[in-house]
C-alpha atoms as a PDB file:
ATOM      1  CA  MET A   1      19.289  -0.817 -14.834  1.00  0.00           C
ATOM      2  CA  ARG A   2      17.231  -1.237 -17.784  1.00  0.00           C
ATOM      3  CA  VAL A   3      14.822   1.062 -19.499  1.00  0.00           C
ATOM      4  CA  SER A   4      12.093   0.680 -22.422  1.00  0.00           C
ATOM      5  CA  ASN A   5       9.570   2.230 -24.282  1.00  0.00           C
ATOM      6  CA  SER A   6       7.174   1.199 -26.847  1.00  0.00           C
ATOM      7  CA  ARG A   7       9.578   1.668 -29.727  1.00  0.00           C
ATOM      8  CA  ASP A   8      13.022   0.726 -30.790  1.00  0.00           C
ATOM      9  CA  PRO A   9      15.537   0.792 -27.841  1.00  0.00           C
ATOM     10  CA  GLU A  10      17.575   3.150 -30.279  1.00  0.00           C
ATOM     11  CA  THR A  11      14.930   5.888 -29.374  1.00  0.00           C
ATOM     12  CA  LEU A  12      16.164   5.834 -25.830  1.00  0.00           C
ATOM     13  CA  ALA A  13      19.951   6.241 -26.540  1.00  0.00           C
ATOM     14  CA  ASP A  14      20.184   9.892 -25.180  1.00  0.00           C
ATOM     15  CA  LEU A  15      18.191   8.909 -21.711  1.00  0.00           C
ATOM     16  CA  ALA A  16      20.603   5.760 -21.424  1.00  0.00           C
ATOM     17  CA  ALA A  17      23.720   7.826 -21.871  1.00  0.00           C
ATOM     18  CA  GLU A  18      22.363  10.284 -19.432  1.00  0.00           C
ATOM     19  CA  THR A  19      21.412   7.709 -16.867  1.00  0.00           C
ATOM     20  CA  GLY A  20      23.659   4.815 -17.371  1.00  0.00           C
ATOM     21  CA  ALA A  21      20.703   2.469 -17.991  1.00  0.00           C
ATOM     22  CA  THR A  22      20.562  -0.090 -20.865  1.00  0.00           C
ATOM     23  CA  ALA A  23      17.900   0.559 -23.573  1.00  0.00           C
ATOM     24  CA  VAL A  24      16.065  -2.849 -24.328  1.00  0.00           C
ATOM     25  CA  TRP A  25      12.850  -3.904 -25.869  1.00  0.00           C
ATOM     26  CA  ALA A  26       9.828  -3.660 -23.512  1.00  0.00           C
ATOM     27  CA  LYS A  27       9.772  -7.577 -23.096  1.00  0.00           C
ATOM     28  CA  ASP A  28      13.182  -7.791 -21.912  1.00  0.00           C
ATOM     29  CA  ALA A  29      13.207  -4.852 -19.297  1.00  0.00           C
ATOM     30  CA  PRO A  30      11.726  -6.871 -16.352  1.00  0.00           C
ATOM     31  CA  VAL A  31      13.718  -9.931 -16.977  1.00  0.00           C
ATOM     32  CA  ASP A  32      15.488 -10.747 -13.598  1.00  0.00           C
ATOM     33  CA  ALA A  33      14.529  -7.109 -12.294  1.00  0.00           C
ATOM     34  CA  ASP A  34      14.757  -6.611  -8.528  1.00  0.00           C
ATOM     35  CA  LEU A  35      12.169  -3.911  -9.246  1.00  0.00           C
ATOM     36  CA  VAL A  36       9.958  -2.883 -12.123  1.00  0.00           C
ATOM     37  CA  ILE A  37       8.244   0.373 -12.700  1.00  0.00           C
ATOM     38  CA  VAL A  38       5.574   0.492 -15.329  1.00  0.00           C
ATOM     39  CA  SER A  39       4.894   4.337 -16.215  1.00  0.00           C
ATOM     40  CA  ILE A  40       2.668   4.443 -19.304  1.00  0.00           C
ATOM     41  CA  PRO A  41      -0.780   6.059 -20.284  1.00  0.00           C
ATOM     42  CA  GLN A  42      -3.437   4.192 -18.488  1.00  0.00           C
ATOM     43  CA  LYS A  43      -5.255   3.387 -21.719  1.00  0.00           C
ATOM     44  CA  ASN A  44      -2.006   1.420 -22.971  1.00  0.00           C
ATOM     45  CA  THR A  45      -1.685  -0.915 -20.039  1.00  0.00           C
ATOM     46  CA  PRO A  46      -3.583  -3.528 -21.767  1.00  0.00           C
ATOM     47  CA  ASP A  47      -1.366  -3.310 -24.701  1.00  0.00           C
ATOM     48  CA  LEU A  48       1.538  -4.701 -22.853  1.00  0.00           C
ATOM     49  CA  ALA A  49       2.426  -8.166 -23.481  1.00  0.00           C
ATOM     50  CA  PRO A  50       0.613 -10.785 -21.249  1.00  0.00           C
ATOM     51  CA  GLY A  51       2.764 -11.570 -18.058  1.00  0.00           C
ATOM     52  CA  ILE A  52       5.465  -8.753 -19.068  1.00  0.00           C
ATOM     53  CA  VAL A  53       6.051  -8.517 -15.500  1.00  0.00           C
ATOM     54  CA  SER A  54       6.250 -12.153 -14.655  1.00  0.00           C
ATOM     55  CA  THR A  55      10.052 -12.378 -15.711  1.00  0.00           C
ATOM     56  CA  ARG A  56      11.031 -10.262 -12.769  1.00  0.00           C
ATOM     57  CA  LYS A  57      12.792 -11.937  -9.873  1.00  0.00           C
ATOM     58  CA  PRO A  58      10.220 -13.678  -7.414  1.00  0.00           C
ATOM     59  CA  ASP A  59       8.639 -11.066  -5.276  1.00  0.00           C
ATOM     60  CA  ALA A  60      10.293  -8.001  -6.842  1.00  0.00           C
ATOM     61  CA  PRO A  61       7.885  -5.123  -6.503  1.00  0.00           C
ATOM     62  CA  VAL A  62       5.997  -3.652  -9.492  1.00  0.00           C
ATOM     63  CA  ILE A  63       5.593   0.049  -9.001  1.00  0.00           C
ATOM     64  CA  GLU A  64       2.803   1.690 -11.274  1.00  0.00           C
ATOM     65  CA  THR A  65       2.868   5.476 -11.655  1.00  0.00           C
ATOM     66  CA  ASN A  66      -0.177   5.593 -13.994  1.00  0.00           C
ATOM     67  CA  ASN A  67      -2.985   8.143 -13.843  1.00  0.00           C
ATOM     68  CA  TYR A  68      -6.590   7.738 -15.433  1.00  0.00           C
ATOM     69  CA  TYR A  69      -7.238  10.767 -17.404  1.00  0.00           C
ATOM     70  CA  PRO A  70     -10.550   9.912 -19.186  1.00  0.00           C
ATOM     71  CA  GLN A  71     -11.297  13.315 -20.783  1.00  0.00           C
ATOM     72  CA  GLN A  72      -7.818  14.459 -21.360  1.00  0.00           C
ATOM     73  CA  ARG A  73      -6.123  11.237 -22.790  1.00  0.00           C
ATOM     74  CA  ASP A  74      -7.236   7.661 -21.966  1.00  0.00           C
ATOM     75  CA  GLY A  75     -10.989   7.734 -22.939  1.00  0.00           C
ATOM     76  CA  ARG A  76     -13.438   5.610 -21.011  1.00  0.00           C
ATOM     77  CA  ILE A  77     -12.230   2.610 -18.871  1.00  0.00           C
ATOM     78  CA  ASP A  78     -15.642   0.874 -17.794  1.00  0.00           C
ATOM     79  CA  ALA A  79     -14.121  -0.940 -14.724  1.00  0.00           C
ATOM     80  CA  ILE A  80     -12.570   2.310 -13.432  1.00  0.00           C
ATOM     81  CA  GLU A  81     -15.822   4.311 -13.976  1.00  0.00           C
ATOM     82  CA  GLU A  82     -17.687   1.684 -12.206  1.00  0.00           C
ATOM     83  CA  GLY A  83     -15.457   2.238  -9.207  1.00  0.00           C
ATOM     84  CA  THR A  84     -12.571   0.070  -9.357  1.00  0.00           C
ATOM     85  CA  PRO A  85      -9.522   2.027  -8.059  1.00  0.00           C
ATOM     86  CA  GLU A  86      -6.920   2.709 -10.924  1.00  0.00           C
ATOM     87  CA  SER A  87      -4.221   0.749  -9.440  1.00  0.00           C
ATOM     88  CA  VAL A  88      -6.284  -2.324  -8.644  1.00  0.00           C
ATOM     89  CA  TRP A  89      -7.151  -2.069 -12.555  1.00  0.00           C
ATOM     90  CA  VAL A  90      -3.638  -1.979 -13.446  1.00  0.00           C
ATOM     91  CA  SER A  91      -2.946  -4.974 -11.203  1.00  0.00           C
ATOM     92  CA  GLU A  92      -5.413  -6.901 -12.954  1.00  0.00           C
ATOM     93  CA  GLN A  93      -4.152  -6.077 -16.421  1.00  0.00           C
ATOM     94  CA  LEU A  94      -0.478  -6.883 -15.528  1.00  0.00           C
ATOM     95  CA  GLY A  95      -1.446 -10.073 -13.744  1.00  0.00           C
ATOM     96  CA  ALA A  96       0.619  -8.944 -10.889  1.00  0.00           C
ATOM     97  CA  PRO A  97       0.514  -7.030  -7.618  1.00  0.00           C
ATOM     98  CA  VAL A  98       1.630  -3.575  -7.852  1.00  0.00           C
ATOM     99  CA  PHE A  99       2.463  -0.428  -5.761  1.00  0.00           C
ATOM    100  CA  LYS A 100       1.015   2.812  -6.454  1.00  0.00           C
ATOM    101  CA  VAL A 101       3.521   5.762  -6.057  1.00  0.00           C
ATOM    102  CA  PHE A 102       5.207   8.501  -8.026  1.00  0.00           C
ATOM    103  CA  ASN A 103       1.767   9.224  -9.630  1.00  0.00           C
ATOM    104  CA  GLY A 104       1.010  12.395  -7.952  1.00  0.00           C
ATOM    105  CA  ILE A 105       4.373  14.487  -8.269  1.00  0.00           C
ATOM    106  CA  PHE A 106       5.652  16.448 -11.242  1.00  0.00           C
ATOM    107  CA  TRP A 107       8.381  14.890 -12.846  1.00  0.00           C
ATOM    108  CA  LYS A 108      10.595  17.641 -12.706  1.00  0.00           C
ATOM    109  CA  ARG A 109       9.998  17.873  -8.858  1.00  0.00           C
ATOM    110  CA  LEU A 110      10.989  14.278  -8.708  1.00  0.00           C
ATOM    111  CA  LEU A 111      14.082  15.039 -10.542  1.00  0.00           C
ATOM    112  CA  GLU A 112      15.210  18.114  -8.452  1.00  0.00           C
ATOM    113  CA  ASN A 113      13.750  18.140  -5.139  1.00  0.00           C
ATOM    114  CA  GLY A 114      14.822  15.014  -3.351  1.00  0.00           C
ATOM    115  CA  VAL A 115      16.674  15.971  -0.139  1.00  0.00           C
ATOM    116  CA  PRO A 116      18.347  14.010   2.882  1.00  0.00           C
ATOM    117  CA  ARG A 117      16.000  12.190   5.352  1.00  0.00           C
ATOM    118  CA  GLY A 118      15.509  14.805   8.178  1.00  0.00           C
ATOM    119  CA  THR A 119      15.184  17.962   6.257  1.00  0.00           C
ATOM    120  CA  ALA A 120      12.667  20.038   7.124  1.00  0.00           C
ATOM    121  CA  GLY A 121       9.704  20.255   4.576  1.00  0.00           C
ATOM    122  CA  ARG A 122      10.802  17.102   2.878  1.00  0.00           C
ATOM    123  CA  ILE A 123       8.155  16.208   0.302  1.00  0.00           C
ATOM    124  CA  ALA A 124       6.257  13.174   1.050  1.00  0.00           C
ATOM    125  CA  LEU A 125       5.286  10.285  -1.458  1.00  0.00           C
ATOM    126  CA  PRO A 126       2.181   8.180  -0.682  1.00  0.00           C
ATOM    127  CA  VAL A 127       2.865   4.318  -1.108  1.00  0.00           C
ATOM    128  CA  ALA A 128      -0.207   2.015  -1.551  1.00  0.00           C
ATOM    129  CA  GLY A 129       0.112  -1.561  -1.869  1.00  0.00           C
ATOM    130  CA  ASP A 130      -0.880  -4.886  -0.023  1.00  0.00           C
ATOM    131  CA  ASP A 131       2.590  -6.897   0.612  1.00  0.00           C
ATOM    132  CA  PRO A 132       4.367  -5.341   3.536  1.00  0.00           C
ATOM    133  CA  PRO A 133       7.805  -6.745   2.465  1.00  0.00           C
ATOM    134  CA  GLY A 134       7.416  -5.165  -1.002  1.00  0.00           C
ATOM    135  CA  LYS A 135       6.013  -1.985   0.398  1.00  0.00           C
ATOM    136  CA  GLN A 136       9.001  -1.574   2.734  1.00  0.00           C
ATOM    137  CA  ILE A 137      11.481  -2.219  -0.371  1.00  0.00           C
ATOM    138  CA  VAL A 138       9.407   0.776  -2.393  1.00  0.00           C
ATOM    139  CA  SER A 139       9.376   2.832   0.790  1.00  0.00           C
ATOM    140  CA  ASP A 140      13.158   2.564   0.860  1.00  0.00           C
ATOM    141  CA  LEU A 141      13.551   3.660  -2.659  1.00  0.00           C
ATOM    142  CA  VAL A 142      11.347   6.737  -2.135  1.00  0.00           C
ATOM    143  CA  ASP A 143      13.784   7.598   1.017  1.00  0.00           C
ATOM    144  CA  GLN A 144      16.963   6.932  -0.993  1.00  0.00           C
ATOM    145  CA  ILE A 145      15.826   9.204  -3.818  1.00  0.00           C
ATOM    146  CA  GLY A 146      15.008  12.091  -1.403  1.00  0.00           C
ATOM    147  CA  PHE A 147      11.330  11.981  -0.100  1.00  0.00           C
ATOM    148  CA  ASP A 148       9.416  10.621   3.009  1.00  0.00           C
ATOM    149  CA  PRO A 149       7.285   7.589   2.141  1.00  0.00           C
ATOM    150  CA  VAL A 150       4.131   7.597   3.617  1.00  0.00           C
ATOM    151  CA  ASP A 151       1.954   4.409   3.998  1.00  0.00           C
ATOM    152  CA  ALA A 152      -1.226   5.113   1.831  1.00  0.00           C
ATOM    153  CA  GLY A 153      -2.915   1.863   2.873  1.00  0.00           C
ATOM    154  CA  THR A 154      -3.868  -1.099   0.752  1.00  0.00           C
ATOM    155  CA  LEU A 155      -4.159  -1.127  -3.114  1.00  0.00           C
ATOM    156  CA  ALA A 156      -7.888  -1.016  -2.706  1.00  0.00           C
ATOM    157  CA  GLU A 157      -7.308   2.424  -0.735  1.00  0.00           C
ATOM    158  CA  SER A 158      -5.180   3.594  -3.698  1.00  0.00           C
ATOM    159  CA  TRP A 159      -8.146   5.942  -4.633  1.00  0.00           C
ATOM    160  CA  ARG A 160      -6.756   8.299  -1.829  1.00  0.00           C
ATOM    161  CA  GLN A 161      -4.000   9.320  -4.304  1.00  0.00           C
ATOM    162  CA  GLN A 162      -5.734   9.385  -7.654  1.00  0.00           C
ATOM    163  CA  PRO A 163      -6.012  12.521  -9.666  1.00  0.00           C
ATOM    164  CA  ASP A 164      -7.586  15.594  -7.937  1.00  0.00           C
ATOM    165  CA  THR A 165      -7.403  14.230  -4.351  1.00  0.00           C
ATOM    166  CA  PRO A 166      -6.128  16.351  -1.734  1.00  0.00           C
ATOM    167  CA  VAL A 167      -2.669  14.587  -1.854  1.00  0.00           C
ATOM    168  CA  TYR A 168      -2.210  14.703  -5.603  1.00  0.00           C
ATOM    169  CA  GLY A 169       0.026  17.206  -7.187  1.00  0.00           C
ATOM    170  CA  THR A 170       0.836  18.839  -3.899  1.00  0.00           C
ATOM    171  CA  ASP A 171       4.292  19.086  -2.089  1.00  0.00           C
ATOM    172  CA  LEU A 172       3.269  18.175   1.196  1.00  0.00           C
ATOM    173  CA  ASP A 173       5.323  16.886   4.075  1.00  0.00           C
ATOM    174  CA  ALA A 174       4.649  13.636   5.658  1.00  0.00           C
ATOM    175  CA  GLU A 175       2.123  15.060   8.202  1.00  0.00           C
ATOM    176  CA  GLY A 176       0.334  17.005   5.760  1.00  0.00           C
ATOM    177  CA  ALA A 177       0.288  13.942   3.159  1.00  0.00           C
ATOM    178  CA  LYS A 178      -1.309  11.748   6.016  1.00  0.00           C
ATOM    179  CA  LYS A 179      -3.994  14.310   6.586  1.00  0.00           C
ATOM    180  CA  ALA A 180      -4.771  14.876   2.850  1.00  0.00           C
ATOM    181  CA  LEU A 181      -5.002  10.994   2.354  1.00  0.00           C
ATOM    182  CA  ALA A 182      -7.390  10.905   5.116  1.00  0.00           C
ATOM    183  CA  GLU A 183      -9.548  13.540   3.700  1.00  0.00           C
ATOM    184  CA  ALA A 184      -9.798  12.113   0.428  1.00  0.00           C
ATOM    185  CA  SER A 185     -13.247  11.175  -0.969  1.00  0.00           C
ATOM    186  CA  PRO A 186     -13.694   7.810  -3.194  1.00  0.00           C
ATOM    187  CA  GLU A 187     -16.060   9.522  -5.368  1.00  0.00           C
ATOM    188  CA  ARG A 188     -14.310  10.472  -8.648  1.00  0.00           C
ATOM    189  CA  PRO A 189     -14.475  14.222  -9.306  1.00  0.00           C
ATOM    190  CA  GLU A 190     -16.278  15.484 -12.469  1.00  0.00           C
ATOM    191  CA  GLY A 191     -13.188  16.436 -14.273  1.00  0.00           C
ATOM    192  CA  PHE A 192     -11.719  12.861 -13.904  1.00  0.00           C
ATOM    193  CA  ARG A 193     -14.660  10.992 -15.050  1.00  0.00           C
ATOM    194  CA  ALA A 194     -15.512  10.077 -18.486  1.00  0.00           C
ATOM    195  CA  ALA A 195     -17.630  12.455 -20.505  1.00  0.00           C
ATOM    196  CA  ASP A 196     -20.862  10.784 -21.149  1.00  0.00           C
END
Protein backbone atom coordinates (compact mmCIF):
# COMPACT_ATOMS: atom_id res chain seq x y z
CA MET A 1 0.00 0.00 0.00
CA ARG A 2 1.23 3.45 -0.94
CA VAL A 3 0.06 6.86 0.24
CA SER A 4 0.83 10.33 -1.08
CA ASN A 5 -0.18 13.95 -0.78
CA SER A 6 0.70 17.17 -2.60
CA ARG A 7 3.92 17.59 -0.63
CA ASP A 8 7.11 15.66 0.04
CA PRO A 9 6.56 12.03 1.13
CA GLU A 10 8.44 12.83 4.35
CA THR A 11 5.38 14.80 5.47
CA LEU A 12 3.51 11.49 5.66
CA ALA A 13 6.07 9.69 7.84
CA ASP A 14 3.73 9.44 10.85
CA LEU A 15 0.81 8.14 8.77
CA ALA A 16 3.07 5.64 7.03
CA ALA A 17 4.39 4.38 10.36
CA GLU A 18 0.86 4.10 11.78
CA THR A 19 -0.64 2.28 8.79
CA GLY A 20 2.29 0.36 7.35
CA ALA A 21 1.89 2.21 4.05
CA THR A 22 4.84 3.49 2.05
CA ALA A 23 4.87 7.25 1.57
CA VAL A 24 5.64 8.18 -2.05
CA TRP A 25 5.32 11.09 -4.45
CA ALA A 26 1.81 11.42 -5.92
CA LYS A 27 2.97 10.36 -9.39
CA ASP A 28 4.24 7.07 -7.96
CA ALA A 29 1.22 6.16 -5.82
CA PRO A 30 -0.92 4.53 -8.55
CA VAL A 31 1.91 2.64 -10.28
CA ASP A 32 0.85 -1.00 -10.70
CA ALA A 33 -1.88 -0.55 -8.05
CA ASP A 34 -4.81 -2.95 -7.70
CA LEU A 35 -7.00 -0.04 -6.58
CA VAL A 36 -6.51 3.74 -6.40
CA ILE A 37 -8.28 6.17 -4.07
CA VAL A 38 -8.27 9.89 -4.91
CA SER A 39 -9.31 11.96 -1.91
CA ILE A 40 -8.52 15.62 -2.42
CA PRO A 41 -10.40 18.92 -2.53
CA GLN A 42 -12.53 19.04 -5.67
CA LYS A 43 -10.83 22.23 -6.90
CA ASN A 44 -7.42 20.48 -6.89
CA THR A 45 -8.41 17.62 -9.19
CA PRO A 46 -7.31 19.45 -12.38
CA ASP A 47 -3.91 20.04 -10.76
CA LEU A 48 -3.08 16.33 -10.70
CA ALA A 49 -0.57 15.22 -13.32
CA PRO A 50 -2.27 14.30 -16.61
CA GLY A 51 -2.85 10.55 -16.76
CA ILE A 52 -1.83 10.10 -13.11
CA VAL A 53 -4.06 7.04 -12.62
CA SER A 54 -3.14 5.45 -15.96
CA THR A 55 -0.18 3.63 -14.41
CA ARG A 56 -2.46 1.43 -12.26
CA LYS A 57 -3.03 -2.21 -13.21
CA PRO A 58 -5.42 -2.67 -16.15
CA ASP A 59 -9.04 -2.40 -14.97
CA ALA A 60 -8.00 -1.51 -11.41
CA PRO A 61 -10.85 0.57 -9.93
CA VAL A 62 -10.33 4.25 -9.15
CA ILE A 63 -12.34 5.47 -6.17
CA GLU A 64 -12.95 9.17 -5.73
CA THR A 65 -14.18 10.49 -2.41
CA ASN A 66 -14.32 14.16 -3.36
CA ASN A 67 -17.17 16.58 -2.69
CA TYR A 68 -17.84 19.95 -4.28
CA TYR A 69 -18.09 22.73 -1.70
CA PRO A 70 -18.24 25.89 -3.85
CA GLN A 71 -18.97 28.38 -1.07
CA GLN A 72 -16.81 26.80 1.58
CA ARG A 73 -13.65 25.78 -0.31
CA ASP A 74 -13.69 25.08 -4.03
CA GLY A 75 -15.02 28.20 -5.70
CA ARG A 76 -17.07 27.90 -8.87
CA ILE A 77 -16.65 24.91 -11.20
CA ASP A 78 -18.82 25.77 -14.19
CA ALA A 79 -19.48 22.22 -15.43
CA ILE A 80 -20.75 21.12 -12.02
CA GLU A 81 -22.85 24.26 -11.63
CA GLU A 82 -24.36 23.51 -15.05
CA GLY A 83 -25.46 20.02 -13.95
CA THR A 84 -22.54 17.63 -14.46
CA PRO A 85 -22.48 15.26 -11.48
CA GLU A 86 -19.38 15.83 -9.36
CA SER A 87 -17.95 12.36 -9.99
CA VAL A 88 -18.54 12.55 -13.73
CA TRP A 89 -16.49 15.76 -13.69
CA VAL A 90 -13.74 14.08 -11.64
CA SER A 91 -13.69 11.16 -14.08
CA GLU A 92 -13.26 13.60 -16.96
CA GLN A 93 -10.39 15.36 -15.16
CA LEU A 94 -8.63 12.06 -14.40
CA GLY A 95 -9.26 10.62 -17.87
CA ALA A 96 -10.45 7.36 -16.27
CA PRO A 97 -13.68 5.85 -14.99
CA VAL A 98 -14.21 6.30 -11.26
CA PHE A 99 -16.41 4.97 -8.48
CA LYS A 100 -17.93 7.38 -5.97
CA VAL A 101 -17.84 6.06 -2.40
CA PHE A 102 -16.69 7.20 1.06
CA ASN A 103 -17.70 10.79 0.26
CA GLY A 104 -20.59 11.02 2.72
CA ILE A 105 -19.21 9.52 5.91
CA PHE A 106 -17.24 11.43 8.53
CA TRP A 107 -13.64 10.15 8.59
CA LYS A 108 -13.79 9.28 12.28
CA ARG A 109 -16.86 7.10 11.72
CA LEU A 110 -15.07 5.41 8.83
CA LEU A 111 -12.13 4.74 11.13
CA GLU A 112 -14.08 3.58 14.18
CA ASN A 113 -17.53 2.29 13.18
CA GLY A 114 -16.89 -0.66 10.90
CA VAL A 115 -18.55 -3.86 12.16
CA PRO A 116 -18.90 -7.45 10.89
CA ARG A 117 -21.41 -8.27 8.16
CA GLY A 118 -24.80 -9.10 9.63
CA THR A 119 -24.45 -6.76 12.61
CA ALA A 120 -27.74 -4.94 13.25
CA GLY A 121 -27.60 -1.28 12.26
CA ARG A 122 -24.42 -1.69 10.18
CA ILE A 123 -23.76 1.61 8.39
CA ALA A 124 -24.30 1.46 4.64
CA LEU A 125 -22.17 3.30 2.09
CA PRO A 126 -23.44 4.04 -1.43
CA VAL A 127 -21.24 2.97 -4.35
CA ALA A 128 -21.87 4.59 -7.75
CA GLY A 129 -20.06 3.56 -10.93
CA ASP A 130 -20.46 2.09 -14.38
CA ASP A 131 -18.32 -1.05 -14.49
CA PRO A 132 -19.96 -4.06 -12.75
CA PRO A 133 -16.70 -5.98 -12.09
CA GLY A 134 -15.03 -2.85 -10.72
CA LYS A 135 -18.09 -2.03 -8.64
CA GLN A 136 -17.92 -5.51 -7.14
CA ILE A 137 -14.27 -4.99 -6.14
CA VAL A 138 -15.16 -1.65 -4.55
CA SER A 139 -18.21 -3.12 -2.81
CA ASP A 140 -16.08 -5.96 -1.45
CA LEU A 141 -13.66 -3.40 -0.02
CA VAL A 142 -16.53 -1.52 1.66
CA ASP A 143 -17.72 -4.80 3.19
CA GLN A 144 -14.23 -5.83 4.31
CA ILE A 145 -13.74 -2.61 6.27
CA GLY A 146 -17.05 -3.10 8.05
CA PHE A 147 -19.80 -1.33 6.12
CA ASP A 148 -22.69 -2.47 3.91
CA PRO A 149 -22.16 -1.51 0.27
CA VAL A 150 -25.32 -0.24 -1.44
CA ASP A 151 -25.48 0.01 -5.22
CA ALA A 152 -26.16 3.69 -5.93
CA GLY A 153 -26.44 3.25 -9.69
CA THR A 154 -24.29 4.61 -12.46
CA LEU A 155 -21.80 7.44 -12.24
CA ALA A 156 -24.38 9.67 -13.95
CA GLU A 157 -26.61 8.97 -10.92
CA SER A 158 -23.89 9.75 -8.37
CA TRP A 159 -25.62 13.08 -7.67
CA ARG A 160 -27.84 11.01 -5.37
CA GLN A 161 -24.99 10.95 -2.81
CA GLN A 162 -23.59 14.46 -3.27
CA PRO A 163 -23.53 16.89 -0.30
CA ASP A 164 -26.88 17.73 1.27
CA THR A 165 -28.75 14.80 -0.28
CA PRO A 166 -30.78 12.54 2.07
CA VAL A 167 -28.02 9.89 2.29
CA TYR A 168 -25.09 12.30 2.72
CA GLY A 169 -23.58 12.48 6.20
CA THR A 170 -25.98 9.93 7.66
CA ASP A 171 -25.36 6.60 9.32
CA LEU A 172 -28.23 4.77 7.68
CA ASP A 173 -28.42 1.00 7.35
CA ALA A 174 -28.75 -0.56 3.89
CA GLU A 175 -32.53 -0.20 3.66
CA GLY A 176 -32.39 3.37 4.90
CA ALA A 177 -29.63 4.23 2.44
CA LYS A 178 -31.59 2.78 -0.49
CA LYS A 179 -34.64 4.82 0.52
CA ALA A 180 -32.56 8.00 0.90
CA LEU A 181 -30.92 7.51 -2.50
CA ALA A 182 -34.36 7.12 -4.09
CA GLU A 183 -35.56 10.35 -2.43
CA ALA A 184 -32.66 12.50 -3.67
CA SER A 185 -33.23 15.40 -6.04
CA PRO A 186 -30.81 16.28 -8.86
CA GLU A 187 -31.20 19.99 -8.09
CA ARG A 188 -28.23 21.36 -6.16
CA PRO A 189 -29.30 22.86 -2.84
CA GLU A 190 -28.66 26.57 -2.32
CA GLY A 191 -25.84 26.00 0.19
CA PHE A 192 -23.96 23.83 -2.31
CA ARG A 193 -24.12 26.13 -5.32
CA ALA A 194 -21.58 28.81 -6.12
CA ALA A 195 -22.56 32.22 -4.81
CA ASP A 196 -23.34 34.54 -7.70
